[in-house]
PDB file of N, CA and C in Angstrom:
ATOM      1  N   MET A   1     -25.250  -0.827  17.698  1.00  0.00           N
ATOM      2  CA  MET A   1     -23.859  -1.208  17.695  1.00  0.00           C
ATOM      3  C   MET A   1     -23.128  -0.448  18.797  1.00  0.00           C
ATOM      4  N   SER A   2     -22.182  -1.093  19.427  1.00  0.00           N
ATOM      5  CA  SER A   2     -21.446  -0.423  20.494  1.00  0.00           C
ATOM      6  C   SER A   2     -20.456   0.576  19.909  1.00  0.00           C
ATOM      7  N   ASP A   3     -20.066   1.520  20.766  1.00  0.00           N
ATOM      8  CA  ASP A   3     -19.076   2.503  20.345  1.00  0.00           C
ATOM      9  C   ASP A   3     -17.777   1.818  19.942  1.00  0.00           C
ATOM     10  N   ASN A   4     -17.408   0.738  20.663  1.00  0.00           N
ATOM     11  CA  ASN A   4     -16.185   0.015  20.350  1.00  0.00           C
ATOM     12  C   ASN A   4     -16.272  -0.619  18.968  1.00  0.00           C
ATOM     13  N   GLN A   5     -17.409  -1.206  18.644  1.00  0.00           N
ATOM     14  CA  GLN A   5     -17.592  -1.811  17.322  1.00  0.00           C
ATOM     15  C   GLN A   5     -17.569  -0.738  16.235  1.00  0.00           C
ATOM     16  N   ASP A   6     -18.198   0.396  16.508  1.00  0.00           N
ATOM     17  CA  ASP A   6     -18.171   1.505  15.547  1.00  0.00           C
ATOM     18  C   ASP A   6     -16.743   1.980  15.312  1.00  0.00           C
ATOM     19  N   ALA A   7     -15.968   2.049  16.369  1.00  0.00           N
ATOM     20  CA  ALA A   7     -14.572   2.477  16.250  1.00  0.00           C
ATOM     21  C   ALA A   7     -13.767   1.476  15.432  1.00  0.00           C
ATOM     22  N   LYS A   8     -14.017   0.185  15.633  1.00  0.00           N
ATOM     23  CA  LYS A   8     -13.311  -0.843  14.866  1.00  0.00           C
ATOM     24  C   LYS A   8     -13.659  -0.741  13.382  1.00  0.00           C
ATOM     25  N   ILE A   9     -14.919  -0.529  13.083  1.00  0.00           N
ATOM     26  CA  ILE A   9     -15.350  -0.400  11.691  1.00  0.00           C
ATOM     27  C   ILE A   9     -14.718   0.828  11.056  1.00  0.00           C
ATOM     28  N   ALA A  10     -14.728   1.946  11.775  1.00  0.00           N
ATOM     29  CA  ALA A  10     -14.133   3.175  11.248  1.00  0.00           C
ATOM     30  C   ALA A  10     -12.633   3.006  11.017  1.00  0.00           C
ATOM     31  N   THR A  11     -11.968   2.333  11.931  1.00  0.00           N
ATOM     32  CA  THR A  11     -10.529   2.095  11.791  1.00  0.00           C
ATOM     33  C   THR A  11     -10.246   1.207  10.597  1.00  0.00           C
ATOM     34  N   ALA A  12     -10.996   0.133  10.469  1.00  0.00           N
ATOM     35  CA  ALA A  12     -10.802  -0.774   9.338  1.00  0.00           C
ATOM     36  C   ALA A  12     -11.104  -0.068   8.017  1.00  0.00           C
ATOM     37  N   ASP A  13     -12.146   0.752   7.991  1.00  0.00           N
ATOM     38  CA  ASP A  13     -12.482   1.486   6.773  1.00  0.00           C
ATOM     39  C   ASP A  13     -11.373   2.476   6.403  1.00  0.00           C
ATOM     40  N   ALA A  14     -10.828   3.172   7.408  1.00  0.00           N
ATOM     41  CA  ALA A  14      -9.741   4.121   7.150  1.00  0.00           C
ATOM     42  C   ALA A  14      -8.497   3.393   6.648  1.00  0.00           C
ATOM     43  N   LEU A  15      -8.182   2.271   7.257  1.00  0.00           N
ATOM     44  CA  LEU A  15      -7.031   1.490   6.803  1.00  0.00           C
ATOM     45  C   LEU A  15      -7.243   0.973   5.379  1.00  0.00           C
ATOM     46  N   THR A  16      -8.469   0.613   5.053  1.00  0.00           N
ATOM     47  CA  THR A  16      -8.773   0.151   3.698  1.00  0.00           C
ATOM     48  C   THR A  16      -8.517   1.261   2.687  1.00  0.00           C
ATOM     49  N   LEU A  17      -8.918   2.474   3.021  1.00  0.00           N
ATOM     50  CA  LEU A  17      -8.653   3.601   2.123  1.00  0.00           C
ATOM     51  C   LEU A  17      -7.151   3.854   1.980  1.00  0.00           C
ATOM     52  N   LEU A  18      -6.435   3.757   3.081  1.00  0.00           N
ATOM     53  CA  LEU A  18      -4.977   3.906   3.011  1.00  0.00           C
ATOM     54  C   LEU A  18      -4.358   2.813   2.145  1.00  0.00           C
ATOM     55  N   LEU A  19      -4.878   1.616   2.247  1.00  0.00           N
ATOM     56  CA  LEU A  19      -4.388   0.509   1.425  1.00  0.00           C
ATOM     57  C   LEU A  19      -4.634   0.787  -0.053  1.00  0.00           C
ATOM     58  N   HIS A  20      -5.796   1.333  -0.380  1.00  0.00           N
ATOM     59  CA  HIS A  20      -6.082   1.694  -1.775  1.00  0.00           C
ATOM     60  C   HIS A  20      -5.082   2.755  -2.261  1.00  0.00           C
ATOM     61  N   ASN A  21      -4.780   3.719  -1.402  1.00  0.00           N
ATOM     62  CA  ASN A  21      -3.779   4.725  -1.746  1.00  0.00           C
ATOM     63  C   ASN A  21      -2.419   4.074  -1.968  1.00  0.00           C
ATOM     64  N   GLN A  22      -2.080   3.130  -1.122  1.00  0.00           N
ATOM     65  CA  GLN A  22      -0.819   2.404  -1.232  1.00  0.00           C
ATOM     66  C   GLN A  22      -0.714   1.728  -2.603  1.00  0.00           C
ATOM     67  N   HIS A  23      -1.789   1.093  -3.033  1.00  0.00           N
ATOM     68  CA  HIS A  23      -1.800   0.421  -4.332  1.00  0.00           C
ATOM     69  C   HIS A  23      -1.666   1.441  -5.475  1.00  0.00           C
ATOM     70  N   ALA A  24      -2.320   2.576  -5.346  1.00  0.00           N
ATOM     71  CA  ALA A  24      -2.240   3.603  -6.387  1.00  0.00           C
ATOM     72  C   ALA A  24      -0.824   4.175  -6.483  1.00  0.00           C
ATOM     73  N   ILE A  25      -0.203   4.416  -5.352  1.00  0.00           N
ATOM     74  CA  ILE A  25       1.170   4.919  -5.344  1.00  0.00           C
ATOM     75  C   ILE A  25       2.106   3.899  -5.980  1.00  0.00           C
ATOM     76  N   CYS A  26       1.923   2.647  -5.644  1.00  0.00           N
ATOM     77  CA  CYS A  26       2.756   1.592  -6.213  1.00  0.00           C
ATOM     78  C   CYS A  26       2.585   1.524  -7.726  1.00  0.00           C
ATOM     79  N   ALA A  27       1.371   1.656  -8.208  1.00  0.00           N
ATOM     80  CA  ALA A  27       1.124   1.626  -9.650  1.00  0.00           C
ATOM     81  C   ALA A  27       1.818   2.796 -10.341  1.00  0.00           C
ATOM     82  N   ALA A  28       1.780   3.966  -9.727  1.00  0.00           N
ATOM     83  CA  ALA A  28       2.440   5.133 -10.310  1.00  0.00           C
ATOM     84  C   ALA A  28       3.953   4.942 -10.343  1.00  0.00           C
ATOM     85  N   ILE A  29       4.507   4.432  -9.252  1.00  0.00           N
ATOM     86  CA  ILE A  29       5.953   4.181  -9.207  1.00  0.00           C
ATOM     87  C   ILE A  29       6.333   3.124 -10.238  1.00  0.00           C
ATOM     88  N   GLU A  30       5.477   2.128 -10.418  1.00  0.00           N
ATOM     89  CA  GLU A  30       5.753   1.082 -11.410  1.00  0.00           C
ATOM     90  C   GLU A  30       5.837   1.673 -12.816  1.00  0.00           C
ATOM     91  N   GLU A  31       4.923   2.573 -13.132  1.00  0.00           N
ATOM     92  CA  GLU A  31       4.956   3.221 -14.449  1.00  0.00           C
ATOM     93  C   GLU A  31       6.229   4.045 -14.616  1.00  0.00           C
ATOM     94  N   MET A  32       6.604   4.790 -13.583  1.00  0.00           N
ATOM     95  CA  MET A  32       7.830   5.590 -13.661  1.00  0.00           C
ATOM     96  C   MET A  32       9.061   4.695 -13.749  1.00  0.00           C
ATOM     97  N   THR A  33       9.043   3.571 -13.046  1.00  0.00           N
ATOM     98  CA  THR A  33      10.162   2.635 -13.089  1.00  0.00           C
ATOM     99  C   THR A  33      10.344   2.097 -14.509  1.00  0.00           C
ATOM    100  N   LYS A  34       9.247   1.760 -15.142  1.00  0.00           N
ATOM    101  CA  LYS A  34       9.305   1.265 -16.521  1.00  0.00           C
ATOM    102  C   LYS A  34       9.920   2.314 -17.433  1.00  0.00           C
ATOM    103  N   TRP A  35       9.477   3.557 -17.291  1.00  0.00           N
ATOM    104  CA  TRP A  35      10.003   4.631 -18.121  1.00  0.00           C
ATOM    105  C   TRP A  35      11.490   4.842 -17.852  1.00  0.00           C
ATOM    106  N   LEU A  36      11.877   4.837 -16.573  1.00  0.00           N
ATOM    107  CA  LEU A  36      13.284   5.017 -16.228  1.00  0.00           C
ATOM    108  C   LEU A  36      14.149   3.922 -16.830  1.00  0.00           C
ATOM    109  N   ALA A  37      13.691   2.687 -16.719  1.00  0.00           N
ATOM    110  CA  ALA A  37      14.456   1.559 -17.250  1.00  0.00           C
ATOM    111  C   ALA A  37      14.589   1.651 -18.766  1.00  0.00           C
ATOM    112  N   GLU A  38      13.523   2.059 -19.435  1.00  0.00           N
ATOM    113  CA  GLU A  38      13.541   2.164 -20.891  1.00  0.00           C
ATOM    114  C   GLU A  38      14.397   3.323 -21.391  1.00  0.00           C
ATOM    115  N   ASN A  39      14.687   4.274 -20.516  1.00  0.00           N
ATOM    116  CA  ASN A  39      15.438   5.461 -20.908  1.00  0.00           C
ATOM    117  C   ASN A  39      16.834   5.501 -20.288  1.00  0.00           C
ATOM    118  N   GLY A  40      17.349   4.328 -19.966  1.00  0.00           N
ATOM    119  CA  GLY A  40      18.730   4.230 -19.520  1.00  0.00           C
ATOM    120  C   GLY A  40      19.020   4.731 -18.127  1.00  0.00           C
ATOM    121  N   MET A  41      18.043   4.802 -17.300  1.00  0.00           N
ATOM    122  CA  MET A  41      18.217   5.275 -15.925  1.00  0.00           C
ATOM    123  C   MET A  41      18.159   4.082 -14.975  1.00  0.00           C
ATOM    124  N   GLY A  42      19.086   3.148 -15.138  1.00  0.00           N
ATOM    125  CA  GLY A  42      19.058   1.893 -14.401  1.00  0.00           C
ATOM    126  C   GLY A  42      19.094   2.058 -12.894  1.00  0.00           C
ATOM    127  N   LEU A  43      19.955   2.946 -12.392  1.00  0.00           N
ATOM    128  CA  LEU A  43      20.066   3.121 -10.940  1.00  0.00           C
ATOM    129  C   LEU A  43      18.771   3.686 -10.364  1.00  0.00           C
ATOM    130  N   ALA A  44      18.215   4.680 -11.043  1.00  0.00           N
ATOM    131  CA  ALA A  44      16.952   5.261 -10.575  1.00  0.00           C
ATOM    132  C   ALA A  44      15.839   4.220 -10.623  1.00  0.00           C
ATOM    133  N   ALA A  45      15.840   3.391 -11.670  1.00  0.00           N
ATOM    134  CA  ALA A  45      14.828   2.337 -11.782  1.00  0.00           C
ATOM    135  C   ALA A  45      14.978   1.328 -10.648  1.00  0.00           C
ATOM    136  N   ALA A  46      16.213   0.985 -10.320  1.00  0.00           N
ATOM    137  CA  ALA A  46      16.453   0.046  -9.219  1.00  0.00           C
ATOM    138  C   ALA A  46      15.984   0.634  -7.893  1.00  0.00           C
ATOM    139  N   ASN A  47      16.214   1.913  -7.686  1.00  0.00           N
ATOM    140  CA  ASN A  47      15.752   2.567  -6.454  1.00  0.00           C
ATOM    141  C   ASN A  47      14.224   2.580  -6.383  1.00  0.00           C
ATOM    142  N   ALA A  48      13.593   2.814  -7.517  1.00  0.00           N
ATOM    143  CA  ALA A  48      12.128   2.801  -7.560  1.00  0.00           C
ATOM    144  C   ALA A  48      11.598   1.402  -7.269  1.00  0.00           C
ATOM    145  N   MET A  49      12.280   0.386  -7.783  1.00  0.00           N
ATOM    146  CA  MET A  49      11.871  -0.996  -7.497  1.00  0.00           C
ATOM    147  C   MET A  49      11.960  -1.288  -5.999  1.00  0.00           C
ATOM    148  N   ALA A  50      13.003  -0.799  -5.357  1.00  0.00           N
ATOM    149  CA  ALA A  50      13.141  -0.993  -3.913  1.00  0.00           C
ATOM    150  C   ALA A  50      11.992  -0.319  -3.170  1.00  0.00           C
ATOM    151  N   ALA A  51      11.587   0.857  -3.636  1.00  0.00           N
ATOM    152  CA  ALA A  51      10.453   1.551  -3.016  1.00  0.00           C
ATOM    153  C   ALA A  51       9.173   0.745  -3.184  1.00  0.00           C
ATOM    154  N   MET A  52       8.997   0.147  -4.362  1.00  0.00           N
ATOM    155  CA  MET A  52       7.801  -0.672  -4.598  1.00  0.00           C
ATOM    156  C   MET A  52       7.798  -1.909  -3.705  1.00  0.00           C
ATOM    157  N   GLU A  53       8.950  -2.497  -3.478  1.00  0.00           N
ATOM    158  CA  GLU A  53       9.022  -3.659  -2.585  1.00  0.00           C
ATOM    159  C   GLU A  53       8.589  -3.282  -1.172  1.00  0.00           C
ATOM    160  N   THR A  54       9.007  -2.110  -0.720  1.00  0.00           N
ATOM    161  CA  THR A  54       8.591  -1.631   0.602  1.00  0.00           C
ATOM    162  C   THR A  54       7.085  -1.415   0.645  1.00  0.00           C
ATOM    163  N   LEU A  55       6.541  -0.805  -0.406  1.00  0.00           N
ATOM    164  CA  LEU A  55       5.090  -0.592  -0.469  1.00  0.00           C
ATOM    165  C   LEU A  55       4.348  -1.925  -0.437  1.00  0.00           C
ATOM    166  N   ASP A  56       4.846  -2.906  -1.171  1.00  0.00           N
ATOM    167  CA  ASP A  56       4.201  -4.224  -1.191  1.00  0.00           C
ATOM    168  C   ASP A  56       4.226  -4.874   0.187  1.00  0.00           C
ATOM    169  N   THR A  57       5.372  -4.811   0.845  1.00  0.00           N
ATOM    170  CA  THR A  57       5.489  -5.391   2.191  1.00  0.00           C
ATOM    171  C   THR A  57       4.528  -4.710   3.152  1.00  0.00           C
ATOM    172  N   ASN A  58       4.511  -3.389   3.115  1.00  0.00           N
ATOM    173  CA  ASN A  58       3.631  -2.647   4.015  1.00  0.00           C
ATOM    174  C   ASN A  58       2.162  -2.864   3.676  1.00  0.00           C
ATOM    175  N   ALA A  59       1.850  -3.011   2.398  1.00  0.00           N
ATOM    176  CA  ALA A  59       0.463  -3.268   2.006  1.00  0.00           C
ATOM    177  C   ALA A  59      -0.019  -4.587   2.594  1.00  0.00           C
ATOM    178  N   GLN A  60       0.835  -5.579   2.599  1.00  0.00           N
ATOM    179  CA  GLN A  60       0.447  -6.866   3.186  1.00  0.00           C
ATOM    180  C   GLN A  60       0.200  -6.729   4.681  1.00  0.00           C
ATOM    181  N   CYS A  61       1.042  -5.964   5.360  1.00  0.00           N
ATOM    182  CA  CYS A  61       0.850  -5.750   6.805  1.00  0.00           C
ATOM    183  C   CYS A  61      -0.450  -4.991   7.084  1.00  0.00           C
ATOM    184  N   ILE A  62      -0.752  -4.007   6.248  1.00  0.00           N
ATOM    185  CA  ILE A  62      -2.001  -3.263   6.409  1.00  0.00           C
ATOM    186  C   ILE A  62      -3.189  -4.189   6.166  1.00  0.00           C
ATOM    187  N   THR A  63      -3.106  -5.028   5.145  1.00  0.00           N
ATOM    188  CA  THR A  63      -4.176  -5.989   4.856  1.00  0.00           C
ATOM    189  C   THR A  63      -4.399  -6.914   6.046  1.00  0.00           C
ATOM    190  N   ASP A  64      -3.321  -7.412   6.619  1.00  0.00           N
ATOM    191  CA  ASP A  64      -3.432  -8.291   7.789  1.00  0.00           C
ATOM    192  C   ASP A  64      -4.094  -7.574   8.961  1.00  0.00           C
ATOM    193  N   ALA A  65      -3.722  -6.326   9.172  1.00  0.00           N
ATOM    194  CA  ALA A  65      -4.316  -5.552  10.273  1.00  0.00           C
ATOM    195  C   ALA A  65      -5.804  -5.328  10.038  1.00  0.00           C
ATOM    196  N   ILE A  66      -6.177  -5.020   8.807  1.00  0.00           N
ATOM    197  CA  ILE A  66      -7.594  -4.829   8.479  1.00  0.00           C
ATOM    198  C   ILE A  66      -8.376  -6.100   8.780  1.00  0.00           C
ATOM    199  N   MET A  67      -7.843  -7.230   8.373  1.00  0.00           N
ATOM    200  CA  MET A  67      -8.535  -8.509   8.609  1.00  0.00           C
ATOM    201  C   MET A  67      -8.680  -8.782  10.102  1.00  0.00           C
ATOM    202  N   ARG A  68      -7.635  -8.504  10.878  1.00  0.00           N
ATOM    203  CA  ARG A  68      -7.727  -8.732  12.334  1.00  0.00           C
ATOM    204  C   ARG A  68      -8.786  -7.831  12.968  1.00  0.00           C
ATOM    205  N   ILE A  69      -8.833  -6.588  12.537  1.00  0.00           N
ATOM    206  CA  ILE A  69      -9.818  -5.657  13.084  1.00  0.00           C
ATOM    207  C   ILE A  69     -11.227  -6.081  12.704  1.00  0.00           C
ATOM    208  N   ARG A  70     -11.424  -6.441  11.457  1.00  0.00           N
ATOM    209  CA  ARG A  70     -12.768  -6.820  11.005  1.00  0.00           C
ATOM    210  C   ARG A  70     -13.246  -8.119  11.644  1.00  0.00           C
ATOM    211  N   GLN A  71     -12.330  -8.990  12.010  1.00  0.00           N
ATOM    212  CA  GLN A  71     -12.707 -10.281  12.620  1.00  0.00           C
ATOM    213  C   GLN A  71     -12.887 -10.174  14.136  1.00  0.00           C
ATOM    214  N   SER A  72     -12.446  -9.073  14.712  1.00  0.00           N
ATOM    215  CA  SER A  72     -12.544  -8.968  16.187  1.00  0.00           C
ATOM    216  C   SER A  72     -13.887  -8.435  16.631  1.00  0.00           C
TER     217      SER A  72
END
């Protein structure tokens, strides 16, 4: 395999791990958001929801980048 192909694989693998971290962080924030909402912390829950939306958007962009790298 060429060095360039090895670099692409390593980059895609690293991005995949970051994506897994992104999903784990989102799951943790989701649990905290649920607790906040159930305990009358509506504003904090809304802020957490906004953070999750950002994570979701960025996760999709990371997924797209991984696919482009793996297909090149």
